[in-house]
Amino acid sequence: MKVAYIFRSNMASTYQLATMILPQLEEGFHGAEVVGMFFFDDNIYTLRSGDPVGERLAKVAKQQNILLMICDQCAVRRHLAEGTLEQCGRGEVTAKGTVEGVTAGCFPQLYAALGPNPPDQVITL
């Protein structure tokens, strides 16, 4: 089964991701193929360059071909993207100051990126 995670709830990336999902992915017993992760609000801070959890996740994502995307509007508001709020949702915002492999976008960009390898389930945490 293929899954995509949306980290929406307060501290989902520092709790569910950092202490459950990521260790399972690193050790190879997560039980599902993760094809993408989409981060909202303060959860995007986990993907800042130098963040220990973010750096571990970037390594796993590269090895396992997992999409890492941050909400473009959340990233612009938190100075982790180049672009303006008016450009959000159009694919014109780029991530900056993040771990390797992170892209910025909104739902249209998420759908396009996951299109060639769609998940069977989307899990919002």
PDB file of N, CA and C in Angstrom:
ATOM      1  N   MET A   1       0.838  -1.177   0.000  1.00  0.00           N
ATOM      2  CA  MET A   1       0.000   0.000   0.000  1.00  0.00           C
ATOM      3  C   MET A   1       0.885   1.244   0.000  1.00  0.00           C
ATOM      4  N   LYS A   2       0.504   2.233  -0.797  1.00  0.00           N
ATOM      5  CA  LYS A   2       1.200   3.508  -0.867  1.00  0.00           C
ATOM      6  C   LYS A   2       0.430   4.551  -0.071  1.00  0.00           C
ATOM      7  N   VAL A   3       1.157   5.333   0.735  1.00  0.00           N
ATOM      8  CA  VAL A   3       0.519   6.375   1.533  1.00  0.00           C
ATOM      9  C   VAL A   3       1.233   7.710   1.326  1.00  0.00           C
ATOM     10  N   ALA A   4       0.484   8.771   1.543  1.00  0.00           N
ATOM     11  CA  ALA A   4       1.038  10.119   1.613  1.00  0.00           C
ATOM     12  C   ALA A   4       0.580  10.705   2.942  1.00  0.00           C
ATOM     13  N   TYR A   5       1.463  11.413   3.597  1.00  0.00           N
ATOM     14  CA  TYR A   5       1.144  12.038   4.872  1.00  0.00           C
ATOM     15  C   TYR A   5       1.007  13.543   4.700  1.00  0.00           C
ATOM     16  N   ILE A   6       0.024  14.104   5.378  1.00  0.00           N
ATOM     17  CA  ILE A   6      -0.129  15.548   5.481  1.00  0.00           C
ATOM     18  C   ILE A   6       0.046  15.891   6.954  1.00  0.00           C
ATOM     19  N   PHE A   7       1.057  16.692   7.244  1.00  0.00           N
ATOM     20  CA  PHE A   7       1.331  17.099   8.617  1.00  0.00           C
ATOM     21  C   PHE A   7       0.669  18.442   8.849  1.00  0.00           C
ATOM     22  N   ARG A   8      -0.489  18.415   9.465  1.00  0.00           N
ATOM     23  CA  ARG A   8      -1.349  19.582   9.636  1.00  0.00           C
ATOM     24  C   ARG A   8      -1.507  19.992  11.099  1.00  0.00           C
ATOM     25  N   SER A   9      -1.618  19.018  11.975  1.00  0.00           N
ATOM     26  CA  SER A   9      -1.869  19.293  13.392  1.00  0.00           C
ATOM     27  C   SER A   9      -0.632  19.847  14.078  1.00  0.00           C
ATOM     28  N   ASN A  10      -0.859  20.614  15.113  1.00  0.00           N
ATOM     29  CA  ASN A  10       0.217  21.177  15.902  1.00  0.00           C
ATOM     30  C   ASN A  10       1.168  20.081  16.372  1.00  0.00           C
ATOM     31  N   MET A  11       2.430  20.231  16.077  1.00  0.00           N
ATOM     32  CA  MET A  11       3.511  19.331  16.491  1.00  0.00           C
ATOM     33  C   MET A  11       3.482  17.944  15.851  1.00  0.00           C
ATOM     34  N   ALA A  12       2.724  17.750  14.798  1.00  0.00           N
ATOM     35  CA  ALA A  12       2.680  16.435  14.148  1.00  0.00           C
ATOM     36  C   ALA A  12       4.046  16.012  13.630  1.00  0.00           C
ATOM     37  N   SER A  13       4.838  16.956  13.159  1.00  0.00           N
ATOM     38  CA  SER A  13       6.153  16.588  12.627  1.00  0.00           C
ATOM     39  C   SER A  13       7.168  16.315  13.732  1.00  0.00           C
ATOM     40  N   THR A  14       6.975  16.899  14.901  1.00  0.00           N
ATOM     41  CA  THR A  14       7.915  16.644  15.986  1.00  0.00           C
ATOM     42  C   THR A  14       7.491  15.466  16.857  1.00  0.00           C
ATOM     43  N   TYR A  15       6.272  15.037  16.732  1.00  0.00           N
ATOM     44  CA  TYR A  15       5.824  13.883  17.507  1.00  0.00           C
ATOM     45  C   TYR A  15       5.621  12.657  16.607  1.00  0.00           C
ATOM     46  N   GLN A  16       4.567  12.642  15.818  1.00  0.00           N
ATOM     47  CA  GLN A  16       4.278  11.463  15.010  1.00  0.00           C
ATOM     48  C   GLN A  16       5.393  11.170  13.995  1.00  0.00           C
ATOM     49  N   LEU A  17       5.884  12.204  13.323  1.00  0.00           N
ATOM     50  CA  LEU A  17       6.939  11.979  12.343  1.00  0.00           C
ATOM     51  C   LEU A  17       8.260  11.597  13.015  1.00  0.00           C
ATOM     52  N   ALA A  18       8.715  12.441  13.930  1.00  0.00           N
ATOM     53  CA  ALA A  18      10.053  12.261  14.507  1.00  0.00           C
ATOM     54  C   ALA A  18      10.188  11.023  15.381  1.00  0.00           C
ATOM     55  N   THR A  19       9.116  10.656  16.097  1.00  0.00           N
ATOM     56  CA  THR A  19       9.258   9.549  17.045  1.00  0.00           C
ATOM     57  C   THR A  19       8.641   8.238  16.582  1.00  0.00           C
ATOM     58  N   MET A  20       7.828   8.278  15.528  1.00  0.00           N
ATOM     59  CA  MET A  20       7.204   7.049  15.051  1.00  0.00           C
ATOM     60  C   MET A  20       7.558   6.760  13.595  1.00  0.00           C
ATOM     61  N   ILE A  21       7.091   7.601  12.689  1.00  0.00           N
ATOM     62  CA  ILE A  21       7.202   7.325  11.256  1.00  0.00           C
ATOM     63  C   ILE A  21       8.660   7.286  10.801  1.00  0.00           C
ATOM     64  N   LEU A  22       9.432   8.312  11.124  1.00  0.00           N
ATOM     65  CA  LEU A  22      10.811   8.388  10.651  1.00  0.00           C
ATOM     66  C   LEU A  22      11.667   7.220  11.147  1.00  0.00           C
ATOM     67  N   PRO A  23      11.652   6.879  12.433  1.00  0.00           N
ATOM     68  CA  PRO A  23      12.446   5.722  12.856  1.00  0.00           C
ATOM     69  C   PRO A  23      12.030   4.424  12.142  1.00  0.00           C
ATOM     70  N   GLN A  24      10.734   4.265  11.895  1.00  0.00           N
ATOM     71  CA  GLN A  24      10.273   3.075  11.179  1.00  0.00           C
ATOM     72  C   GLN A  24      10.770   3.062   9.741  1.00  0.00           C
ATOM     73  N   LEU A  25      10.759   4.216   9.074  1.00  0.00           N
ATOM     74  CA  LEU A  25      11.277   4.305   7.710  1.00  0.00           C
ATOM     75  C   LEU A  25      12.776   4.027   7.685  1.00  0.00           C
ATOM     76  N   GLU A  26      13.496   4.560   8.642  1.00  0.00           N
ATOM     77  CA  GLU A  26      14.950   4.353   8.700  1.00  0.00           C
ATOM     78  C   GLU A  26      15.300   2.888   8.913  1.00  0.00           C
ATOM     79  N   GLU A  27      14.488   2.202   9.713  1.00  0.00           N
ATOM     80  CA  GLU A  27      14.775   0.808  10.035  1.00  0.00           C
ATOM     81  C   GLU A  27      14.082  -0.179   9.100  1.00  0.00           C
ATOM     82  N   GLY A  28      13.261   0.337   8.174  1.00  0.00           N
ATOM     83  CA  GLY A  28      12.663  -0.511   7.156  1.00  0.00           C
ATOM     84  C   GLY A  28      11.470  -1.343   7.576  1.00  0.00           C
ATOM     85  N   PHE A  29      10.725  -0.905   8.586  1.00  0.00           N
ATOM     86  CA  PHE A  29       9.545  -1.675   8.986  1.00  0.00           C
ATOM     87  C   PHE A  29       8.281  -0.816   9.140  1.00  0.00           C
ATOM     88  N   HIS A  30       8.176   0.229   8.348  1.00  0.00           N
ATOM     89  CA  HIS A  30       7.003   1.104   8.446  1.00  0.00           C
ATOM     90  C   HIS A  30       5.718   0.395   8.021  1.00  0.00           C
ATOM     91  N   GLY A  31       5.808  -0.498   7.076  1.00  0.00           N
ATOM     92  CA  GLY A  31       4.632  -1.287   6.690  1.00  0.00           C
ATOM     93  C   GLY A  31       3.883  -0.776   5.483  1.00  0.00           C
ATOM     94  N   ALA A  32       4.194   0.417   5.027  1.00  0.00           N
ATOM     95  CA  ALA A  32       3.583   0.980   3.826  1.00  0.00           C
ATOM     96  C   ALA A  32       4.669   1.748   3.077  1.00  0.00           C
ATOM     97  N   GLU A  33       4.488   1.854   1.782  1.00  0.00           N
ATOM     98  CA  GLU A  33       5.401   2.658   0.982  1.00  0.00           C
ATOM     99  C   GLU A  33       4.941   4.110   1.057  1.00  0.00           C
ATOM    100  N   VAL A  34       5.799   4.974   1.556  1.00  0.00           N
ATOM    101  CA  VAL A  34       5.466   6.396   1.663  1.00  0.00           C
ATOM    102  C   VAL A  34       5.910   7.083   0.375  1.00  0.00           C
ATOM    103  N   VAL A  35       4.952   7.708  -0.317  1.00  0.00           N
ATOM    104  CA  VAL A  35       5.270   8.365  -1.587  1.00  0.00           C
ATOM    105  C   VAL A  35       5.359   9.883  -1.458  1.00  0.00           C
ATOM    106  N   GLY A  36       4.833  10.431  -0.373  1.00  0.00           N
ATOM    107  CA  GLY A  36       4.891  11.875  -0.214  1.00  0.00           C
ATOM    108  C   GLY A  36       4.552  12.332   1.183  1.00  0.00           C
ATOM    109  N   MET A  37       5.069  13.518   1.519  1.00  0.00           N
ATOM    110  CA  MET A  37       4.765  14.183   2.780  1.00  0.00           C
ATOM    111  C   MET A  37       4.580  15.661   2.483  1.00  0.00           C
ATOM    112  N   PHE A  38       3.490  16.226   3.002  1.00  0.00           N
ATOM    113  CA  PHE A  38       3.151  17.624   2.790  1.00  0.00           C
ATOM    114  C   PHE A  38       3.023  18.279   4.156  1.00  0.00           C
ATOM    115  N   PHE A  39       3.733  19.383   4.363  1.00  0.00           N
ATOM    116  CA  PHE A  39       3.845  20.023   5.667  1.00  0.00           C
ATOM    117  C   PHE A  39       3.169  21.382   5.686  1.00  0.00           C
ATOM    118  N   PHE A  40       2.357  21.614   6.722  1.00  0.00           N
ATOM    119  CA  PHE A  40       1.658  22.882   6.912  1.00  0.00           C
ATOM    120  C   PHE A  40       2.095  23.554   8.213  1.00  0.00           C
ATOM    121  N   ASP A  41       1.828  24.845   8.277  1.00  0.00           N
ATOM    122  CA  ASP A  41       1.996  25.661   9.477  1.00  0.00           C
ATOM    123  C   ASP A  41       3.393  25.479  10.067  1.00  0.00           C
ATOM    124  N   ASP A  42       3.504  25.396  11.384  1.00  0.00           N
ATOM    125  CA  ASP A  42       4.818  25.305  12.014  1.00  0.00           C
ATOM    126  C   ASP A  42       5.495  23.957  11.795  1.00  0.00           C
ATOM    127  N   ASN A  43       4.788  22.976  11.273  1.00  0.00           N
ATOM    128  CA  ASN A  43       5.414  21.700  10.946  1.00  0.00           C
ATOM    129  C   ASN A  43       6.524  21.862   9.913  1.00  0.00           C
ATOM    130  N   ILE A  44       6.481  22.932   9.130  1.00  0.00           N
ATOM    131  CA  ILE A  44       7.516  23.129   8.113  1.00  0.00           C
ATOM    132  C   ILE A  44       8.878  23.408   8.736  1.00  0.00           C
ATOM    133  N   TYR A  45       8.917  23.878   9.986  1.00  0.00           N
ATOM    134  CA  TYR A  45      10.198  24.160  10.623  1.00  0.00           C
ATOM    135  C   TYR A  45      11.074  22.917  10.745  1.00  0.00           C
ATOM    136  N   THR A  46      10.464  21.750  10.782  1.00  0.00           N
ATOM    137  CA  THR A  46      11.234  20.507  10.835  1.00  0.00           C
ATOM    138  C   THR A  46      12.124  20.361   9.614  1.00  0.00           C
ATOM    139  N   LEU A  47      11.751  20.986   8.512  1.00  0.00           N
ATOM    140  CA  LEU A  47      12.506  20.851   7.268  1.00  0.00           C
ATOM    141  C   LEU A  47      13.532  21.960   7.053  1.00  0.00           C
ATOM    142  N   ARG A  48      13.775  22.769   8.077  1.00  0.00           N
ATOM    143  CA  ARG A  48      14.822  23.787   7.978  1.00  0.00           C
ATOM    144  C   ARG A  48      16.190  23.119   7.859  1.00  0.00           C
ATOM    145  N   SER A  49      17.031  23.711   7.059  1.00  0.00           N
ATOM    146  CA  SER A  49      18.395  23.222   6.915  1.00  0.00           C
ATOM    147  C   SER A  49      19.055  23.150   8.292  1.00  0.00           C
ATOM    148  N   GLY A  50      19.677  22.026   8.581  1.00  0.00           N
ATOM    149  CA  GLY A  50      20.356  21.830   9.861  1.00  0.00           C
ATOM    150  C   GLY A  50      19.506  21.200  10.941  1.00  0.00           C
ATOM    151  N   ASP A  51      18.195  21.146  10.771  1.00  0.00           N
ATOM    152  CA  ASP A  51      17.342  20.505  11.773  1.00  0.00           C
ATOM    153  C   ASP A  51      17.650  19.006  11.780  1.00  0.00           C
ATOM    154  N   PRO A  52      17.951  18.411  12.936  1.00  0.00           N
ATOM    155  CA  PRO A  52      18.340  17.000  12.963  1.00  0.00           C
ATOM    156  C   PRO A  52      17.279  16.056  12.383  1.00  0.00           C
ATOM    157  N   VAL A  53      16.025  16.285  12.707  1.00  0.00           N
ATOM    158  CA  VAL A  53      14.956  15.434  12.171  1.00  0.00           C
ATOM    159  C   VAL A  53      14.824  15.655  10.669  1.00  0.00           C
ATOM    160  N   GLY A  54      14.858  16.902  10.249  1.00  0.00           N
ATOM    161  CA  GLY A  54      14.758  17.220   8.832  1.00  0.00           C
ATOM    162  C   GLY A  54      15.891  16.621   8.020  1.00  0.00           C
ATOM    163  N   GLU A  55      17.102  16.671   8.552  1.00  0.00           N
ATOM    164  CA  GLU A  55      18.249  16.103   7.839  1.00  0.00           C
ATOM    165  C   GLU A  55      18.109  14.583   7.714  1.00  0.00           C
ATOM    166  N   ARG A  56      17.655  13.942   8.771  1.00  0.00           N
ATOM    167  CA  ARG A  56      17.411  12.490   8.704  1.00  0.00           C
ATOM    168  C   ARG A  56      16.327  12.181   7.689  1.00  0.00           C
ATOM    169  N   LEU A  57      15.260  12.972   7.709  1.00  0.00           N
ATOM    170  CA  LEU A  57      14.151  12.755   6.780  1.00  0.00           C
ATOM    171  C   LEU A  57      14.601  12.961   5.342  1.00  0.00           C
ATOM    172  N   ALA A  58      15.395  13.986   5.086  1.00  0.00           N
ATOM    173  CA  ALA A  58      15.886  14.239   3.727  1.00  0.00           C
ATOM    174  C   ALA A  58      16.681  13.054   3.205  1.00  0.00           C
ATOM    175  N   LYS A  59      17.482  12.460   4.059  1.00  0.00           N
ATOM    176  CA  LYS A  59      18.280  11.287   3.665  1.00  0.00           C
ATOM    177  C   LYS A  59      17.370  10.115   3.303  1.00  0.00           C
ATOM    178  N   VAL A  60      16.384   9.840   4.150  1.00  0.00           N
ATOM    179  CA  VAL A  60      15.439   8.747   3.894  1.00  0.00           C
ATOM    180  C   VAL A  60      14.618   9.036   2.641  1.00  0.00           C
ATOM    181  N   ALA A  61      14.173  10.276   2.493  1.00  0.00           N
ATOM    182  CA  ALA A  61      13.354  10.648   1.331  1.00  0.00           C
ATOM    183  C   ALA A  61      14.120  10.436   0.030  1.00  0.00           C
ATOM    184  N   LYS A  62      15.381  10.783   0.044  1.00  0.00           N
ATOM    185  CA  LYS A  62      16.207  10.587  -1.155  1.00  0.00           C
ATOM    186  C   LYS A  62      16.365   9.095  -1.460  1.00  0.00           C
ATOM    187  N   GLN A  63      16.626   8.308  -0.451  1.00  0.00           N
ATOM    188  CA  GLN A  63      16.819   6.864  -0.626  1.00  0.00           C
ATOM    189  C   GLN A  63      15.541   6.167  -1.085  1.00  0.00           C
ATOM    190  N   GLN A  64      14.394   6.616  -0.557  1.00  0.00           N
ATOM    191  CA  GLN A  64      13.129   5.921  -0.796  1.00  0.00           C
ATOM    192  C   GLN A  64      12.211   6.649  -1.774  1.00  0.00           C
ATOM    193  N   ASN A  65      12.717   7.693  -2.403  1.00  0.00           N
ATOM    194  CA  ASN A  65      11.964   8.460  -3.394  1.00  0.00           C
ATOM    195  C   ASN A  65      10.644   9.011  -2.826  1.00  0.00           C
ATOM    196  N   ILE A  66      10.745   9.708  -1.706  1.00  0.00           N
ATOM    197  CA  ILE A  66       9.587  10.295  -1.034  1.00  0.00           C
ATOM    198  C   ILE A  66       9.558  11.799  -1.335  1.00  0.00           C
ATOM    199  N   LEU A  67       8.445  12.278  -1.825  1.00  0.00           N
ATOM    200  CA  LEU A  67       8.251  13.700  -2.062  1.00  0.00           C
ATOM    201  C   LEU A  67       8.156  14.434  -0.729  1.00  0.00           C
ATOM    202  N   LEU A  68       8.917  15.508  -0.582  1.00  0.00           N
ATOM    203  CA  LEU A  68       8.821  16.390   0.581  1.00  0.00           C
ATOM    204  C   LEU A  68       8.391  17.753   0.079  1.00  0.00           C
ATOM    205  N   MET A  69       7.207  18.189   0.488  1.00  0.00           N
ATOM    206  CA  MET A  69       6.681  19.476   0.034  1.00  0.00           C
ATOM    207  C   MET A  69       6.175  20.272   1.228  1.00  0.00           C
ATOM    208  N   ILE A  70       6.494  21.575   1.206  1.00  0.00           N
ATOM    209  CA  ILE A  70       5.971  22.484   2.223  1.00  0.00           C
ATOM    210  C   ILE A  70       4.935  23.388   1.572  1.00  0.00           C
ATOM    211  N   CYS A  71       3.925  23.721   2.334  1.00  0.00           N
ATOM    212  CA  CYS A  71       2.899  24.661   1.877  1.00  0.00           C
ATOM    213  C   CYS A  71       3.581  25.969   1.508  1.00  0.00           C
ATOM    214  N   ASP A  72       3.370  26.406   0.282  1.00  0.00           N
ATOM    215  CA  ASP A  72       4.046  27.618  -0.176  1.00  0.00           C
ATOM    216  C   ASP A  72       3.660  28.841   0.651  1.00  0.00           C
ATOM    217  N   GLN A  73       2.392  28.981   0.993  1.00  0.00           N
ATOM    218  CA  GLN A  73       1.951  30.135   1.773  1.00  0.00           C
ATOM    219  C   GLN A  73       2.536  30.102   3.185  1.00  0.00           C
ATOM    220  N   CYS A  74       2.548  28.919   3.794  1.00  0.00           N
ATOM    221  CA  CYS A  74       3.146  28.765   5.125  1.00  0.00           C
ATOM    222  C   CYS A  74       4.622  29.114   5.083  1.00  0.00           C
ATOM    223  N   ALA A  75       5.293  28.691   4.021  1.00  0.00           N
ATOM    224  CA  ALA A  75       6.732  28.921   3.886  1.00  0.00           C
ATOM    225  C   ALA A  75       7.045  30.394   3.641  1.00  0.00           C
ATOM    226  N   VAL A  76       6.261  31.063   2.801  1.00  0.00           N
ATOM    227  CA  VAL A  76       6.475  32.488   2.561  1.00  0.00           C
ATOM    228  C   VAL A  76       6.300  33.253   3.872  1.00  0.00           C
ATOM    229  N   ARG A  77       5.271  32.939   4.622  1.00  0.00           N
ATOM    230  CA  ARG A  77       5.000  33.627   5.888  1.00  0.00           C
ATOM    231  C   ARG A  77       6.088  33.397   6.930  1.00  0.00           C
ATOM    232  N   ARG A  78       6.808  32.266   6.815  1.00  0.00           N
ATOM    233  CA  ARG A  78       7.841  31.916   7.788  1.00  0.00           C
ATOM    234  C   ARG A  78       9.260  32.114   7.226  1.00  0.00           C
ATOM    235  N   HIS A  79       9.368  32.775   6.099  1.00  0.00           N
ATOM    236  CA  HIS A  79      10.657  33.098   5.475  1.00  0.00           C
ATOM    237  C   HIS A  79      11.455  31.853   5.087  1.00  0.00           C
ATOM    238  N   LEU A  80      10.752  30.808   4.675  1.00  0.00           N
ATOM    239  CA  LEU A  80      11.403  29.593   4.186  1.00  0.00           C
ATOM    240  C   LEU A  80      11.109  29.380   2.706  1.00  0.00           C
ATOM    241  N   ALA A  81      10.812  30.459   2.010  1.00  0.00           N
ATOM    242  CA  ALA A  81      10.550  30.370   0.570  1.00  0.00           C
ATOM    243  C   ALA A  81      10.825  31.712  -0.082  1.00  0.00           C
ATOM    244  N   GLU A  82      11.136  31.630  -1.367  1.00  0.00           N
ATOM    245  CA  GLU A  82      11.269  32.812  -2.219  1.00  0.00           C
ATOM    246  C   GLU A  82       9.961  32.966  -2.973  1.00  0.00           C
ATOM    247  N   GLY A  83       9.375  34.142  -2.900  1.00  0.00           N
ATOM    248  CA  GLY A  83       8.127  34.404  -3.591  1.00  0.00           C
ATOM    249  C   GLY A  83       7.220  35.264  -2.735  1.00  0.00           C
ATOM    250  N   THR A  84       6.038  35.522  -3.262  1.00  0.00           N
ATOM    251  CA  THR A  84       5.073  36.365  -2.565  1.00  0.00           C
ATOM    252  C   THR A  84       3.796  35.578  -2.319  1.00  0.00           C
ATOM    253  N   LEU A  85       2.963  36.090  -1.441  1.00  0.00           N
ATOM    254  CA  LEU A  85       1.686  35.440  -1.175  1.00  0.00           C
ATOM    255  C   LEU A  85       0.826  35.379  -2.435  1.00  0.00           C
ATOM    256  N   GLU A  86       0.964  36.371  -3.299  1.00  0.00           N
ATOM    257  CA  GLU A  86       0.189  36.388  -4.546  1.00  0.00           C
ATOM    258  C   GLU A  86       0.620  35.270  -5.497  1.00  0.00           C
ATOM    259  N   GLN A  87       1.832  34.785  -5.360  1.00  0.00           N
ATOM    260  CA  GLN A  87       2.333  33.704  -6.214  1.00  0.00           C
ATOM    261  C   GLN A  87       1.957  32.314  -5.697  1.00  0.00           C
ATOM    262  N   CYS A  88       1.488  32.245  -4.475  1.00  0.00           N
ATOM    263  CA  CYS A  88       1.157  30.953  -3.878  1.00  0.00           C
ATOM    264  C   CYS A  88       0.048  30.254  -4.661  1.00  0.00           C
ATOM    265  N   GLY A  89       0.178  28.950  -4.766  1.00  0.00           N
ATOM    266  CA  GLY A  89      -0.801  28.133  -5.470  1.00  0.00           C
ATOM    267  C   GLY A  89      -0.568  28.042  -6.962  1.00  0.00           C
ATOM    268  N   ARG A  90       0.376  28.811  -7.480  1.00  0.00           N
ATOM    269  CA  ARG A  90       0.633  28.858  -8.922  1.00  0.00           C
ATOM    270  C   ARG A  90       1.906  28.113  -9.320  1.00  0.00           C
ATOM    271  N   GLY A  91       2.629  27.574  -8.333  1.00  0.00           N
ATOM    272  CA  GLY A  91       3.883  26.896  -8.638  1.00  0.00           C
ATOM    273  C   GLY A  91       5.044  27.846  -8.848  1.00  0.00           C
ATOM    274  N   GLU A  92       4.912  29.081  -8.380  1.00  0.00           N
ATOM    275  CA  GLU A  92       5.932  30.104  -8.597  1.00  0.00           C
ATOM    276  C   GLU A  92       6.793  30.360  -7.362  1.00  0.00           C
ATOM    277  N   VAL A  93       6.534  29.674  -6.269  1.00  0.00           N
ATOM    278  CA  VAL A  93       7.267  29.859  -5.022  1.00  0.00           C
ATOM    279  C   VAL A  93       8.275  28.720  -4.887  1.00  0.00           C
ATOM    280  N   THR A  94       9.486  29.055  -4.450  1.00  0.00           N
ATOM    281  CA  THR A  94      10.509  28.032  -4.252  1.00  0.00           C
ATOM    282  C   THR A  94      10.965  28.014  -2.803  1.00  0.00           C
ATOM    283  N   ALA A  95      11.225  26.827  -2.306  1.00  0.00           N
ATOM    284  CA  ALA A  95      11.709  26.664  -0.935  1.00  0.00           C
ATOM    285  C   ALA A  95      13.115  27.222  -0.818  1.00  0.00           C
ATOM    286  N   LYS A  96      13.433  27.770   0.353  1.00  0.00           N
ATOM    287  CA  LYS A  96      14.796  28.241   0.635  1.00  0.00           C
ATOM    288  C   LYS A  96      15.103  27.959   2.105  1.00  0.00           C
ATOM    289  N   GLY A  97      16.349  27.674   2.385  1.00  0.00           N
ATOM    290  CA  GLY A  97      16.758  27.426   3.761  1.00  0.00           C
ATOM    291  C   GLY A  97      16.245  26.111   4.310  1.00  0.00           C
ATOM    292  N   THR A  98      15.940  25.187   3.416  1.00  0.00           N
ATOM    293  CA  THR A  98      15.405  23.885   3.835  1.00  0.00           C
ATOM    294  C   THR A  98      16.419  22.779   3.556  1.00  0.00           C
ATOM    295  N   VAL A  99      16.140  21.607   4.090  1.00  0.00           N
ATOM    296  CA  VAL A  99      16.974  20.446   3.813  1.00  0.00           C
ATOM    297  C   VAL A  99      16.868  20.092   2.330  1.00  0.00           C
ATOM    298  N   GLU A 100      17.773  19.286   1.864  1.00  0.00           N
ATOM    299  CA  GLU A 100      17.823  18.902   0.456  1.00  0.00           C
ATOM    300  C   GLU A 100      16.530  18.203   0.020  1.00  0.00           C
ATOM    301  N   GLY A 101      16.069  18.574  -1.159  1.00  0.00           N
ATOM    302  CA  GLY A 101      14.953  17.879  -1.783  1.00  0.00           C
ATOM    303  C   GLY A 101      13.570  18.427  -1.495  1.00  0.00           C
ATOM    304  N   VAL A 102      13.469  19.473  -0.698  1.00  0.00           N
ATOM    305  CA  VAL A 102      12.161  20.039  -0.351  1.00  0.00           C
ATOM    306  C   VAL A 102      11.691  20.984  -1.445  1.00  0.00           C
ATOM    307  N   THR A 103      10.416  20.854  -1.811  1.00  0.00           N
ATOM    308  CA  THR A 103       9.805  21.793  -2.739  1.00  0.00           C
ATOM    309  C   THR A 103       8.688  22.532  -2.015  1.00  0.00           C
ATOM    310  N   ALA A 104       8.314  23.677  -2.551  1.00  0.00           N
ATOM    311  CA  ALA A 104       7.197  24.445  -2.008  1.00  0.00           C
ATOM    312  C   ALA A 104       6.068  24.409  -3.021  1.00  0.00           C
ATOM    313  N   GLY A 105       4.846  24.322  -2.526  1.00  0.00           N
ATOM    314  CA  GLY A 105       3.704  24.314  -3.424  1.00  0.00           C
ATOM    315  C   GLY A 105       2.401  24.290  -2.671  1.00  0.00           C
ATOM    316  N   CYS A 106       1.334  24.183  -3.441  1.00  0.00           N
ATOM    317  CA  CYS A 106      -0.005  24.085  -2.894  1.00  0.00           C
ATOM    318  C   CYS A 106      -0.624  22.811  -3.478  1.00  0.00           C
ATOM    319  N   PHE A 107      -1.889  22.623  -3.287  1.00  0.00           N
ATOM    320  CA  PHE A 107      -2.508  21.380  -3.739  1.00  0.00           C
ATOM    321  C   PHE A 107      -2.329  21.099  -5.232  1.00  0.00           C
ATOM    322  N   PRO A 108      -2.416  22.086  -6.122  1.00  0.00           N
ATOM    323  CA  PRO A 108      -2.190  21.761  -7.536  1.00  0.00           C
ATOM    324  C   PRO A 108      -0.800  21.163  -7.786  1.00  0.00           C
ATOM    325  N   GLN A 109       0.222  21.695  -7.111  1.00  0.00           N
ATOM    326  CA  GLN A 109       1.572  21.170  -7.276  1.00  0.00           C
ATOM    327  C   GLN A 109       1.708  19.793  -6.610  1.00  0.00           C
ATOM    328  N   LEU A 110       1.038  19.610  -5.481  1.00  0.00           N
ATOM    329  CA  LEU A 110       1.066  18.304  -4.818  1.00  0.00           C
ATOM    330  C   LEU A 110       0.448  17.234  -5.703  1.00  0.00           C
ATOM    331  N   TYR A 111      -0.724  17.525  -6.272  1.00  0.00           N
ATOM    332  CA  TYR A 111      -1.383  16.553  -7.151  1.00  0.00           C
ATOM    333  C   TYR A 111      -0.510  16.213  -8.348  1.00  0.00           C
ATOM    334  N   ALA A 112       0.104  17.226  -8.942  1.00  0.00           N
ATOM    335  CA  ALA A 112       0.959  16.993 -10.107  1.00  0.00           C
ATOM    336  C   ALA A 112       2.177  16.150  -9.740  1.00  0.00           C
ATOM    337  N   ALA A 113       2.777  16.446  -8.591  1.00  0.00           N
ATOM    338  CA  ALA A 113       3.972  15.712  -8.177  1.00  0.00           C
ATOM    339  C   ALA A 113       3.669  14.263  -7.826  1.00  0.00           C
ATOM    340  N   LEU A 114       2.505  14.014  -7.233  1.00  0.00           N
ATOM    341  CA  LEU A 114       2.143  12.642  -6.857  1.00  0.00           C
ATOM    342  C   LEU A 114       1.460  11.885  -7.992  1.00  0.00           C
ATOM    343  N   GLY A 115       1.068  12.582  -9.052  1.00  0.00           N
ATOM    344  CA  GLY A 115       0.350  11.959 -10.163  1.00  0.00           C
ATOM    345  C   GLY A 115       1.003  10.716 -10.730  1.00  0.00           C
ATOM    346  N   PRO A 116       2.305  10.749 -11.016  1.00  0.00           N
ATOM    347  CA  PRO A 116       2.950   9.563 -11.582  1.00  0.00           C
ATOM    348  C   PRO A 116       3.077   8.393 -10.597  1.00  0.00           C
ATOM    349  N   ASN A 117       2.968   8.663  -9.303  1.00  0.00           N
ATOM    350  CA  ASN A 117       3.098   7.628  -8.276  1.00  0.00           C
ATOM    351  C   ASN A 117       2.065   7.903  -7.177  1.00  0.00           C
ATOM    352  N   PRO A 118       0.776   7.764  -7.493  1.00  0.00           N
ATOM    353  CA  PRO A 118      -0.265   8.187  -6.549  1.00  0.00           C
ATOM    354  C   PRO A 118      -0.373   7.277  -5.324  1.00  0.00           C
ATOM    355  N   PRO A 119      -0.715   7.881  -4.195  1.00  0.00           N
ATOM    356  CA  PRO A 119      -0.935   7.074  -2.989  1.00  0.00           C
ATOM    357  C   PRO A 119      -2.289   6.361  -3.048  1.00  0.00           C
ATOM    358  N   ASP A 120      -2.368   5.269  -2.322  1.00  0.00           N
ATOM    359  CA  ASP A 120      -3.652   4.589  -2.130  1.00  0.00           C
ATOM    360  C   ASP A 120      -4.461   5.275  -1.026  1.00  0.00           C
ATOM    361  N   GLN A 121      -3.727   5.836  -0.065  1.00  0.00           N
ATOM    362  CA  GLN A 121      -4.368   6.527   1.052  1.00  0.00           C
ATOM    363  C   GLN A 121      -3.587   7.795   1.388  1.00  0.00           C
ATOM    364  N   VAL A 122      -4.329   8.806   1.843  1.00  0.00           N
ATOM    365  CA  VAL A 122      -3.719  10.028   2.343  1.00  0.00           C
ATOM    366  C   VAL A 122      -4.081  10.114   3.823  1.00  0.00           C
ATOM    367  N   ILE A 123      -3.071  10.294   4.642  1.00  0.00           N
ATOM    368  CA  ILE A 123      -3.261  10.320   6.084  1.00  0.00           C
ATOM    369  C   ILE A 123      -2.900  11.712   6.587  1.00  0.00           C
ATOM    370  N   THR A 124      -3.837  12.359   7.261  1.00  0.00           N
ATOM    371  CA  THR A 124      -3.594  13.683   7.820  1.00  0.00           C
ATOM    372  C   THR A 124      -3.337  13.536   9.315  1.00  0.00           C
ATOM    373  N   LEU A 125      -2.208  14.069   9.726  1.00  0.00           N
ATOM    374  CA  LEU A 125      -1.823  14.018  11.137  1.00  0.00           C
ATOM    375  C   LEU A 125      -1.753  15.420  11.703  1.00  0.00           C
TER     376      LEU A 125
END
